[in-house]
């Protein structure tokens, strides 16, 4: 796990507000395939009390995310 300072240095966002957009450094973004079952998701938007409403595919497209299967669904 990263420290609070490392999170801010790497992402440019505070803990609790880390989002896949506007990252301070180029980082690979991963989206779990389970997100595709939702019409929209609400990732943090760079601040503790903000979020953005977006479709999973739009989020993946805007961030050049890699789709991965890391969740076991039941």
Protein backbone atom coordinates (compact mmCIF):
# COMPACT_ATOMS: atom_id res chain seq x y z
CA UNK A 1 0.00 0.00 0.00
CA UNK A 2 1.13 3.51 -0.73
CA UNK A 3 1.46 6.16 1.93
CA UNK A 4 -0.79 9.23 1.76
CA UNK A 5 2.10 11.30 0.40
CA UNK A 6 2.94 8.68 -2.24
CA UNK A 7 -0.68 8.60 -3.41
CA UNK A 8 -0.71 12.37 -3.87
CA UNK A 9 2.72 12.37 -5.57
CA UNK A 10 1.81 9.58 -8.01
CA UNK A 11 -1.79 10.52 -8.81
CA UNK A 12 -2.12 14.19 -7.91
CA UNK A 13 -5.31 13.32 -6.02
CA UNK A 14 -5.91 12.99 -2.27
CA UNK A 15 -6.72 9.62 -0.71
CA UNK A 16 -10.49 9.23 -0.98
CA UNK A 17 -10.58 11.23 -4.20
CA UNK A 18 -8.25 9.24 -6.43
CA UNK A 19 -9.75 8.87 -9.87
CA UNK A 20 -8.56 7.55 -13.23
CA UNK A 21 -8.66 11.05 -14.80
CA UNK A 22 -6.11 13.85 -14.68
CA UNK A 23 -3.33 11.78 -13.17
CA UNK A 24 -0.13 13.56 -12.19
CA UNK A 25 1.96 10.76 -13.73
CA UNK A 26 1.14 8.36 -16.55
CA UNK A 27 -0.28 5.26 -14.85
CA UNK A 28 -1.97 2.20 -16.27
CA UNK A 29 -5.67 2.14 -15.41
CA UNK A 30 -7.40 -1.22 -15.02
CA UNK A 31 -11.16 -1.79 -15.19
CA UNK A 32 -12.60 -5.06 -13.99
CA UNK A 33 -14.94 -6.71 -16.50
CA UNK A 34 -17.63 -6.86 -13.80
CA UNK A 35 -18.13 -3.10 -14.32
CA UNK A 36 -19.72 -3.85 -17.70
CA UNK A 37 -22.91 -5.06 -16.02
CA UNK A 38 -23.67 -1.50 -14.87
CA UNK A 39 -25.19 1.23 -17.05
CA UNK A 40 -23.07 3.80 -15.21
CA UNK A 41 -20.45 4.00 -12.49
CA UNK A 42 -19.42 6.86 -10.18
CA UNK A 43 -15.64 6.98 -9.76
CA UNK A 44 -14.10 9.66 -7.60
CA UNK A 45 -13.37 12.86 -9.48
CA UNK A 46 -10.18 14.15 -7.90
CA UNK A 47 -11.53 15.37 -4.58
CA UNK A 48 -12.91 13.66 -1.49
CA UNK A 49 -16.46 14.96 -2.01
CA UNK A 50 -16.79 14.69 -5.77
CA UNK A 51 -17.60 11.97 -8.28
CA UNK A 52 -18.42 11.73 -11.95
CA UNK A 53 -21.31 9.75 -13.47
CA UNK A 54 -20.04 7.85 -16.54
CA UNK A 55 -20.54 4.58 -18.37
CA UNK A 56 -17.88 1.95 -17.78
CA UNK A 57 -16.96 1.97 -21.47
CA UNK A 58 -16.59 5.77 -21.56
CA UNK A 59 -14.34 5.61 -18.51
CA UNK A 60 -12.22 2.90 -20.10
CA UNK A 61 -12.02 4.78 -23.40
CA UNK A 62 -11.06 8.12 -21.80
CA UNK A 63 -8.34 6.55 -19.65
CA UNK A 64 -7.09 3.95 -22.17
CA UNK A 65 -7.87 1.40 -19.46
CA UNK A 66 -7.07 -2.28 -19.77
CA UNK A 67 -10.00 -4.60 -19.09
CA UNK A 68 -9.11 -7.35 -16.62
CA UNK A 69 -10.98 -10.09 -14.77
CA UNK A 70 -9.99 -9.89 -11.12
CA UNK A 71 -13.37 -10.29 -9.36
CA UNK A 72 -15.14 -13.53 -8.68
CA UNK A 73 -18.88 -13.06 -9.16
CA UNK A 74 -21.41 -15.39 -7.63
